[in-house]
Amino acid sequence: MIRKLTVLLALAFLALPGSAFAQAGYFGDAGNSFVQNVGPGQVNWQTMKLRVTGSGAPNPNAPNIAVARLGAERAAKADAFRNALESVQGVQVSAESTVQDFMLQSDTIKTRVEGTLRGFSVVDRKYFNDGGVEIVIEVTLTGDIAAALFGDQAFAAAPGADNMAAAQAQGPVYTGLIIDASGLGSKPAMSPRIIDERGAEVYGTGVASREFALDLGVVGYARDAEKAKVNDRVSDNALVIKAIKTDGPAGTNLVISNADAEMIRNVTQNLSFLSKCRVMIVL
């Protein structure tokens, strides 16, 4: 008993100050980012990052202070991984499927997603006076996770020099596309589709380049159209179009008018920025 108390008291004296872990503060000043609670974590749909916490308690039977602290941090990391796995499974990939659906359908996808999650980054730590540890971890939904989920799904070819030359020859020159879906109750997804009133795709994986989709995400999400206009993703002269309704079981696909759809299709240079995933959706 004396040794247990000694370890705990020593840990209390060695406790280091940490940042507050209020859920709303994980992303600091989120600004115009669209942050969604998913399970025990949060997804920032502008940066395409998932953050969760993990907590660990010290073993009072540890032989010394250092071992007790390491044990608590190891437990916190294990807890964070479990929370990350729970959260990522709830992420919407398309209007029809979540990450969990993909993982249940394929052991290969399950293994790749879990393996990527284990490579999480610890972005913050908090040490408590009782020797407990709480950490915040971050996982990127683009890159390896997106590659595992999208698999061999068809993407458009990356824009070439011919497309760029044609874009410069025609105007107006737009640098990106903003779909304003505010007030429609739409939800974010890793691979949403923009369609016209006939159901024909205007933007999605059939238009986006695989290279850019895996690197940036198919789209980015924001909360305010005016602030979205100055986002680096769409540069400084984005075409803004108002969505008229949602589509699909999860409400992640967006419908725009036939007239707006034709305007996008008829401007040659749009092929370039759409292929580069320079698209944002305002929710």
Foldseek 3Di string as FASTA:
>chain_A
DVQLVVLQQVLLVVFDAWDDVDQVCPPPCLPFWDWDDFQQWIAGQFQQKIKHKFKFAFDSPDPHNVNRLVRQVVRRLVRRLVRVVRRQQRAAAELAHGLVVQVVVDVQLVVQVSVQSNVWDWPTKGAHSRSMIMTMTMGHCFARNVCSRCPPPAADAADDPVLVVLLVVDDDRFQAAEEEAPPQPADAHQWAFEAEPVRHTLATRHLAHPVLCRVRTLEGETADPVVLCCDPLRHNGYDYFYFDHFDHNRRHYTYGYPVVSVVLVPNSNSSNSNRNSSYYYHD
